[in-house]
C-alpha cells in the first residue's frame, strides 16, 4: 500500500500541539490536525493567488496572504 504524503510535516504538527499544552498526542490526532491545517492553508493559498492575479501580478506577496487569511 502506498504511503500517503502530507504537505505539512506531521512532526511539526505534533510539536505545535505539545507547545499548545497537550501532554501527549496520539497519531490519529496528529493526522486529523494535519488534514485540517492543510485544508485551511489551501483555502488561504487559493484566495491569495486570486488577490494577486486581481492586482495584475504573478507573484503572491505578504499582504495577499494576510488579506486572504482575514477573510
PDB file of N, CA and C in Angstrom:
ATOM      1  N   UNK A   1       0.843  -1.173   0.000  1.00  0.00           N
ATOM      2  CA  UNK A   1       0.000   0.000   0.000  1.00  0.00           C
ATOM      3  C   UNK A   1       0.893   1.242   0.000  1.00  0.00           C
ATOM      4  N   UNK A   2       0.654   2.193  -0.912  1.00  0.00           N
ATOM      5  CA  UNK A   2       1.496   3.388  -0.967  1.00  0.00           C
ATOM      6  C   UNK A   2       1.270   4.283   0.244  1.00  0.00           C
ATOM      7  N   UNK A   3       2.352   4.952   0.643  1.00  0.00           N
ATOM      8  CA  UNK A   3       2.264   5.863   1.779  1.00  0.00           C
ATOM      9  C   UNK A   3       1.628   7.168   1.345  1.00  0.00           C
ATOM     10  N   UNK A   4       0.799   7.714   2.197  1.00  0.00           N
ATOM     11  CA  UNK A   4       0.171   8.998   1.934  1.00  0.00           C
ATOM     12  C   UNK A   4       1.094  10.091   2.456  1.00  0.00           C
ATOM     13  N   UNK A   5       1.506  10.973   1.573  1.00  0.00           N
ATOM     14  CA  UNK A   5       2.396  12.052   1.992  1.00  0.00           C
ATOM     15  C   UNK A   5       1.570  13.292   2.300  1.00  0.00           C
ATOM     16  N   UNK A   6       2.103  14.098   3.177  1.00  0.00           N
ATOM     17  CA  UNK A   6       1.421  15.299   3.612  1.00  0.00           C
ATOM     18  C   UNK A   6       2.249  16.519   3.238  1.00  0.00           C
ATOM     19  N   UNK A   7       1.567  17.613   2.979  1.00  0.00           N
ATOM     20  CA  UNK A   7       2.260  18.863   2.665  1.00  0.00           C
ATOM     21  C   UNK A   7       2.931  19.408   3.920  1.00  0.00           C
ATOM     22  N   UNK A   8       2.224  19.321   5.042  1.00  0.00           N
ATOM     23  CA  UNK A   8       2.723  19.833   6.318  1.00  0.00           C
ATOM     24  C   UNK A   8       3.338  18.671   7.095  1.00  0.00           C
ATOM     25  N   UNK A   9       4.582  18.804   7.551  1.00  0.00           N
ATOM     26  CA  UNK A   9       5.228  17.711   8.285  1.00  0.00           C
ATOM     27  C   UNK A   9       4.491  17.388   9.582  1.00  0.00           C
ATOM     28  N   UNK A  10       4.250  16.111   9.802  1.00  0.00           N
ATOM     29  CA  UNK A  10       3.490  15.686  10.974  1.00  0.00           C
ATOM     30  C   UNK A  10       4.248  15.917  12.275  1.00  0.00           C
ATOM     31  N   UNK A  11       5.565  15.861  12.235  1.00  0.00           N
ATOM     32  CA  UNK A  11       6.347  16.113  13.444  1.00  0.00           C
ATOM     33  C   UNK A  11       6.164  17.563  13.893  1.00  0.00           C
ATOM     34  N   UNK A  12       6.080  18.470  12.945  1.00  0.00           N
ATOM     35  CA  UNK A  12       5.861  19.874  13.274  1.00  0.00           C
ATOM     36  C   UNK A  12       4.475  20.080  13.889  1.00  0.00           C
ATOM     37  N   UNK A  13       3.500  19.375  13.361  1.00  0.00           N
ATOM     38  CA  UNK A  13       2.140  19.467  13.896  1.00  0.00           C
ATOM     39  C   UNK A  13       2.099  18.934  15.322  1.00  0.00           C
ATOM     40  N   UNK A  14       2.776  17.825  15.563  1.00  0.00           N
ATOM     41  CA  UNK A  14       2.818  17.258  16.911  1.00  0.00           C
ATOM     42  C   UNK A  14       3.482  18.229  17.883  1.00  0.00           C
ATOM     43  N   UNK A  15       4.580  18.855  17.472  1.00  0.00           N
ATOM     44  CA  UNK A  15       5.244  19.845  18.326  1.00  0.00           C
ATOM     45  C   UNK A  15       4.323  21.030  18.614  1.00  0.00           C
ATOM     46  N   UNK A  16       3.554  21.428  17.614  1.00  0.00           N
ATOM     47  CA  UNK A  16       2.628  22.529  17.793  1.00  0.00           C
ATOM     48  C   UNK A  16       1.576  22.189  18.859  1.00  0.00           C
ATOM     49  N   UNK A  17       1.057  20.978  18.813  1.00  0.00           N
ATOM     50  CA  UNK A  17       0.063  20.548  19.792  1.00  0.00           C
ATOM     51  C   UNK A  17       0.658  20.479  21.196  1.00  0.00           C
ATOM     52  N   UNK A  18       1.886  19.985  21.303  1.00  0.00           N
ATOM     53  CA  UNK A  18       2.554  19.914  22.600  1.00  0.00           C
ATOM     54  C   UNK A  18       2.819  21.318  23.133  1.00  0.00           C
ATOM     55  N   UNK A  19       3.242  22.208  22.245  1.00  0.00           N
ATOM     56  CA  UNK A  19       3.505  23.585  22.655  1.00  0.00           C
ATOM     57  C   UNK A  19       2.226  24.278  23.116  1.00  0.00           C
ATOM     58  N   UNK A  20       1.086  23.854  22.573  1.00  0.00           N
ATOM     59  CA  UNK A  20      -0.206  24.426  22.947  1.00  0.00           C
ATOM     60  C   UNK A  20      -0.696  23.892  24.294  1.00  0.00           C
ATOM     61  N   UNK A  21       0.022  22.885  24.837  1.00  0.00           N
ATOM     62  CA  UNK A  21      -0.337  22.410  26.163  1.00  0.00           C
ATOM     63  C   UNK A  21      -0.691  20.936  26.270  1.00  0.00           C
ATOM     64  N   UNK A  22      -0.703  20.213  25.162  1.00  0.00           N
ATOM     65  CA  UNK A  22      -1.017  18.789  25.220  1.00  0.00           C
ATOM     66  C   UNK A  22       0.144  18.024  25.845  1.00  0.00           C
ATOM     67  N   UNK A  23      -0.156  17.159  26.802  1.00  0.00           N
ATOM     68  CA  UNK A  23       0.902  16.358  27.425  1.00  0.00           C
ATOM     69  C   UNK A  23       1.334  15.218  26.503  1.00  0.00           C
ATOM     70  N   UNK A  24       0.355  14.619  25.832  1.00  0.00           N
ATOM     71  CA  UNK A  24       0.637  13.550  24.880  1.00  0.00           C
ATOM     72  C   UNK A  24      -0.261  13.747  23.665  1.00  0.00           C
ATOM     73  N   UNK A  25       0.208  13.295  22.515  1.00  0.00           N
ATOM     74  CA  UNK A  25      -0.559  13.449  21.285  1.00  0.00           C
ATOM     75  C   UNK A  25      -0.599  12.101  20.567  1.00  0.00           C
ATOM     76  N   UNK A  26      -1.794  11.612  20.282  1.00  0.00           N
ATOM     77  CA  UNK A  26      -1.957  10.359  19.556  1.00  0.00           C
ATOM     78  C   UNK A  26      -1.725  10.589  18.067  1.00  0.00           C
ATOM     79  N   UNK A  27      -1.293   9.559  17.371  1.00  0.00           N
ATOM     80  CA  UNK A  27      -1.009   9.673  15.940  1.00  0.00           C
ATOM     81  C   UNK A  27      -2.254  10.059  15.152  1.00  0.00           C
ATOM     82  N   UNK A  28      -3.419   9.510  15.533  1.00  0.00           N
ATOM     83  CA  UNK A  28      -4.642   9.873  14.807  1.00  0.00           C
ATOM     84  C   UNK A  28      -5.018  11.336  15.041  1.00  0.00           C
ATOM     85  N   UNK A  29      -4.656  11.873  16.202  1.00  0.00           N
ATOM     86  CA  UNK A  29      -4.866  13.294  16.464  1.00  0.00           C
ATOM     87  C   UNK A  29      -3.986  14.155  15.585  1.00  0.00           C
ATOM     88  N   UNK A  30      -2.737  13.743  15.443  1.00  0.00           N
ATOM     89  CA  UNK A  30      -1.805  14.459  14.572  1.00  0.00           C
ATOM     90  C   UNK A  30      -2.299  14.403  13.128  1.00  0.00           C
ATOM     91  N   UNK A  31      -2.756  13.236  12.695  1.00  0.00           N
ATOM     92  CA  UNK A  31      -3.254  13.074  11.324  1.00  0.00           C
ATOM     93  C   UNK A  31      -4.458  13.978  11.068  1.00  0.00           C
ATOM     94  N   UNK A  32      -5.398  14.007  12.014  1.00  0.00           N
ATOM     95  CA  UNK A  32      -6.599  14.827  11.849  1.00  0.00           C
ATOM     96  C   UNK A  32      -6.254  16.305  11.817  1.00  0.00           C
ATOM     97  N   UNK A  33      -5.376  16.727  12.730  1.00  0.00           N
ATOM     98  CA  UNK A  33      -4.994  18.149  12.785  1.00  0.00           C
ATOM     99  C   UNK A  33      -4.239  18.540  11.524  1.00  0.00           C
ATOM    100  N   UNK A  34      -3.405  17.646  11.008  1.00  0.00           N
ATOM    101  CA  UNK A  34      -2.678  17.908   9.772  1.00  0.00           C
ATOM    102  C   UNK A  34      -3.646  18.115   8.607  1.00  0.00           C
ATOM    103  N   UNK A  35      -4.675  17.280   8.525  1.00  0.00           N
ATOM    104  CA  UNK A  35      -5.671  17.416   7.458  1.00  0.00           C
ATOM    105  C   UNK A  35      -6.395  18.754   7.543  1.00  0.00           C
ATOM    106  N   UNK A  36      -6.784  19.139   8.765  1.00  0.00           N
ATOM    107  CA  UNK A  36      -7.499  20.400   8.955  1.00  0.00           C
ATOM    108  C   UNK A  36      -6.604  21.581   8.581  1.00  0.00           C
ATOM    109  N   UNK A  37      -5.355  21.570   9.053  1.00  0.00           N
ATOM    110  CA  UNK A  37      -4.428  22.658   8.727  1.00  0.00           C
ATOM    111  C   UNK A  37      -4.183  22.741   7.227  1.00  0.00           C
ATOM    112  N   UNK A  38      -4.063  21.604   6.568  1.00  0.00           N
ATOM    113  CA  UNK A  38      -3.836  21.582   5.125  1.00  0.00           C
ATOM    114  C   UNK A  38      -5.010  22.189   4.375  1.00  0.00           C
ATOM    115  N   UNK A  39      -6.230  21.835   4.788  1.00  0.00           N
ATOM    116  CA  UNK A  39      -7.420  22.393   4.142  1.00  0.00           C
ATOM    117  C   UNK A  39      -7.456  23.910   4.284  1.00  0.00           C
ATOM    118  N   UNK A  40      -7.191  24.399   5.490  1.00  0.00           N
ATOM    119  CA  UNK A  40      -7.208  25.836   5.739  1.00  0.00           C
ATOM    120  C   UNK A  40      -6.115  26.523   4.924  1.00  0.00           C
ATOM    121  N   UNK A  41      -4.918  25.945   4.916  1.00  0.00           N
ATOM    122  CA  UNK A  41      -3.794  26.539   4.191  1.00  0.00           C
ATOM    123  C   UNK A  41      -4.075  26.592   2.687  1.00  0.00           C
ATOM    124  N   UNK A  42      -4.693  25.564   2.148  1.00  0.00           N
ATOM    125  CA  UNK A  42      -5.003  25.563   0.719  1.00  0.00           C
ATOM    126  C   UNK A  42      -6.048  26.617   0.371  1.00  0.00           C
ATOM    127  N   UNK A  43      -7.046  26.797   1.245  1.00  0.00           N
ATOM    128  CA  UNK A  43      -8.054  27.834   1.006  1.00  0.00           C
ATOM    129  C   UNK A  43      -7.408  29.222   1.002  1.00  0.00           C
ATOM    130  N   UNK A  44      -6.542  29.475   1.968  1.00  0.00           N
ATOM    131  CA  UNK A  44      -5.856  30.768   2.038  1.00  0.00           C
ATOM    132  C   UNK A  44      -4.954  30.954   0.824  1.00  0.00           C
ATOM    133  N   UNK A  45      -4.265  29.890   0.418  1.00  0.00           N
ATOM    134  CA  UNK A  45      -3.368  29.967  -0.747  1.00  0.00           C
ATOM    135  C   UNK A  45      -4.124  30.318  -2.017  1.00  0.00           C
ATOM    136  N   UNK A  46      -5.255  29.665  -2.228  1.00  0.00           N
ATOM    137  CA  UNK A  46      -6.049  29.937  -3.424  1.00  0.00           C
ATOM    138  C   UNK A  46      -6.566  31.367  -3.422  1.00  0.00           C
ATOM    139  N   UNK A  47      -7.029  31.833  -2.263  1.00  0.00           N
ATOM    140  CA  UNK A  47      -7.541  33.200  -2.166  1.00  0.00           C
ATOM    141  C   UNK A  47      -6.418  34.217  -2.393  1.00  0.00           C
ATOM    142  N   UNK A  48      -5.233  33.954  -1.833  1.00  0.00           N
ATOM    143  CA  UNK A  48      -4.097  34.855  -2.009  1.00  0.00           C
ATOM    144  C   UNK A  48      -3.669  34.917  -3.473  1.00  0.00           C
ATOM    145  N   UNK A  49      -3.672  33.792  -4.150  1.00  0.00           N
ATOM    146  CA  UNK A  49      -3.321  33.778  -5.568  1.00  0.00           C
ATOM    147  C   UNK A  49      -4.343  34.564  -6.382  1.00  0.00           C
ATOM    148  N   UNK A  50      -5.609  34.444  -6.004  1.00  0.00           N
ATOM    149  CA  UNK A  50      -6.670  35.193  -6.679  1.00  0.00           C
ATOM    150  C   UNK A  50      -6.491  36.701  -6.467  1.00  0.00           C
ATOM    151  N   UNK A  51      -6.154  37.101  -5.248  1.00  0.00           N
ATOM    152  CA  UNK A  51      -5.915  38.516  -4.944  1.00  0.00           C
ATOM    153  C   UNK A  51      -4.738  39.035  -5.761  1.00  0.00           C
ATOM    154  N   UNK A  52      -3.691  38.238  -5.859  1.00  0.00           N
ATOM    155  CA  UNK A  52      -2.506  38.629  -6.617  1.00  0.00           C
ATOM    156  C   UNK A  52      -2.838  38.812  -8.105  1.00  0.00           C
ATOM    157  N   UNK A  53      -3.579  37.868  -8.660  1.00  0.00           N
ATOM    158  CA  UNK A  53      -3.975  37.978 -10.067  1.00  0.00           C
ATOM    159  C   UNK A  53      -4.857  39.197 -10.292  1.00  0.00           C
ATOM    160  N   UNK A  54      -5.740  39.468  -9.345  1.00  0.00           N
ATOM    161  CA  UNK A  54      -6.623  40.624  -9.470  1.00  0.00           C
ATOM    162  C   UNK A  54      -5.821  41.933  -9.484  1.00  0.00           C
ATOM    163  N   UNK A  55      -4.712  41.939  -8.752  1.00  0.00           N
ATOM    164  CA  UNK A  55      -3.841  43.120  -8.713  1.00  0.00           C
ATOM    165  C   UNK A  55      -2.928  43.191  -9.929  1.00  0.00           C
ATOM    166  N   UNK A  56      -3.018  42.205 -10.819  1.00  0.00           N
ATOM    167  CA  UNK A  56      -2.205  42.218 -12.036  1.00  0.00           C
ATOM    168  C   UNK A  56      -0.801  41.692 -11.829  1.00  0.00           C
ATOM    169  N   UNK A  57      -0.605  40.901 -10.786  1.00  0.00           N
ATOM    170  CA  UNK A  57       0.726  40.348 -10.507  1.00  0.00           C
ATOM    171  C   UNK A  57       0.699  38.825 -10.614  1.00  0.00           C
ATOM    172  N   UNK A  58       1.881  38.276 -10.873  1.00  0.00           N
ATOM    173  CA  UNK A  58       2.043  36.824 -10.862  1.00  0.00           C
ATOM    174  C   UNK A  58       2.594  36.349  -9.522  1.00  0.00           C
ATOM    175  N   UNK A  59       3.186  37.271  -8.770  1.00  0.00           N
ATOM    176  CA  UNK A  59       3.832  36.948  -7.509  1.00  0.00           C
ATOM    177  C   UNK A  59       2.878  37.216  -6.343  1.00  0.00           C
ATOM    178  N   UNK A  60       2.785  36.269  -5.432  1.00  0.00           N
ATOM    179  CA  UNK A  60       1.978  36.439  -4.225  1.00  0.00           C
ATOM    180  C   UNK A  60       2.856  37.100  -3.169  1.00  0.00           C
ATOM    181  N   UNK A  61       2.373  38.198  -2.610  1.00  0.00           N
ATOM    182  CA  UNK A  61       3.108  38.949  -1.599  1.00  0.00           C
ATOM    183  C   UNK A  61       2.526  38.706  -0.207  1.00  0.00           C
ATOM    184  N   UNK A  62       3.251  39.175   0.785  1.00  0.00           N
ATOM    185  CA  UNK A  62       2.826  39.017   2.177  1.00  0.00           C
ATOM    186  C   UNK A  62       1.428  39.595   2.407  1.00  0.00           C
ATOM    187  N   UNK A  63       1.183  40.753   1.863  1.00  0.00           N
ATOM    188  CA  UNK A  63      -0.118  41.402   2.032  1.00  0.00           C
ATOM    189  C   UNK A  63      -1.258  40.572   1.469  1.00  0.00           C
ATOM    190  N   UNK A  64      -0.999  39.866   0.368  1.00  0.00           N
ATOM    191  CA  UNK A  64      -2.021  38.990  -0.216  1.00  0.00           C
ATOM    192  C   UNK A  64      -2.389  37.871   0.750  1.00  0.00           C
ATOM    193  N   UNK A  65      -1.362  37.301   1.380  1.00  0.00           N
ATOM    194  CA  UNK A  65      -1.587  36.215   2.341  1.00  0.00           C
ATOM    195  C   UNK A  65      -2.377  36.735   3.530  1.00  0.00           C
ATOM    196  N   UNK A  66      -1.955  37.866   4.064  1.00  0.00           N
ATOM    197  CA  UNK A  66      -2.627  38.431   5.247  1.00  0.00           C
ATOM    198  C   UNK A  66      -4.084  38.790   4.934  1.00  0.00           C
ATOM    199  N   UNK A  67      -4.315  39.380   3.772  1.00  0.00           N
ATOM    200  CA  UNK A  67      -5.672  39.732   3.374  1.00  0.00           C
ATOM    201  C   UNK A  67      -6.536  38.483   3.183  1.00  0.00           C
ATOM    202  N   UNK A  68      -5.974  37.465   2.569  1.00  0.00           N
ATOM    203  CA  UNK A  68      -6.708  36.223   2.352  1.00  0.00           C
ATOM    204  C   UNK A  68      -7.022  35.525   3.691  1.00  0.00           C
ATOM    205  N   UNK A  69      -6.115  35.625   4.644  1.00  0.00           N
ATOM    206  CA  UNK A  69      -6.322  34.975   5.938  1.00  0.00           C
ATOM    207  C   UNK A  69      -7.398  35.693   6.754  1.00  0.00           C
ATOM    208  N   UNK A  70      -7.565  36.996   6.544  1.00  0.00           N
ATOM    209  CA  UNK A  70      -8.586  37.748   7.275  1.00  0.00           C
ATOM    210  C   UNK A  70      -9.992  37.284   6.893  1.00  0.00           C
ATOM    211  N   UNK A  71     -10.166  36.923   5.634  1.00  0.00           N
ATOM    212  CA  UNK A  71     -11.489  36.528   5.144  1.00  0.00           C
ATOM    213  C   UNK A  71     -11.706  35.104   5.364  1.00  0.00           C
TER     214      UNK A  71
END
